Amino acid sequence: MGILSGKNILVTGVLTDGSIAFHVAKIAQEQGATVVLTGFGRALSLTTRIAGRLPQMPPIIELDVTDQSHLDNLAEEVRKYVPHLDGVVHSIGFAPEAALGGNFLNTAWEDVATAVHVPAYSLKSLTLACRPTFLEGASVVGLDFDATVAWPQYDWMGVAKAALESTSRYLARDLGSENVRVNLVAAGPIRTIAAKSIPGFDEFEKVWNERSPLQWDVTDPQPAAKAVVALLSDWFPKTTGEIIHVDGGLHAMGA
């Protein structure tokens, strides 16, 4: 009996088998969950191919979180495969090139708006789209990167992560009466597709190598994935509005 035995979990953001989302889906299946994935656009075929490397091939729903018609139809699409959802994993992040790389003071609003909409506002959009499928509560878990400080090159994505953290707290407040828990896992840097889009990602690796009290491996997404699965389980029944740091302890260290 795994800790997710009998649960139905929706996982977004599976693009490569090196991603945190992929390992969440893998561990969730190993722990007894029925997993449903989402993908969209040109990445949908990539998600389908990578999903074949999971222990069981899951169904895949097309979902663009910026497309209201996709969100409006999501609950109906989910019910084609599972009767309800017990958990949702938000692993969605994108910012235009102009919003990253040290151009903070010159980034136009149009690029900032995209950077905030996709990683942050979509947590609310996705959660409400799935809300009709929640029976006696659910666990929503998002992936975060510590937004309490300004990071080199991270720029408006850092602002978006701060918005994500605040959004999770307000969702926790407003959905608590429905027994819906909303938490984030703030992971250290992992060499994912998202990371490759961040100019100067090597600087993050250097910081973690120098300051993390626990040894940090930028090629290992499993510690963060395990934390997500734990939050999806019934082992955190009264934890909501929380940010769990899985970063080797760096967030707690001074300069």
Foldseek 3Di string as FASTA:
>chain_A
DALQAPAEEEFEDPQACQDLRVLLVQVNVVRHYQYEYEAEDPSQVSNQVRLVPHPDRHHYYYDDLVDVVRLQCVQVVVCVRPQAHAEYEAEWFDFPLCQWAPNQVPRDVVRLVVRQCTQAVSLVSNCVSRVVRDDQEHEYEYEAADLPDDDHRCGSNSVNRVNNLVNQLVCCVVCVVSQYAGEYEHEQAAPDPVLVSRPPSVVSVVLLCPQQPADDDNSDSNQSSVVVNCRRGCVPSPDHSYYHYHYSCRVVDDD
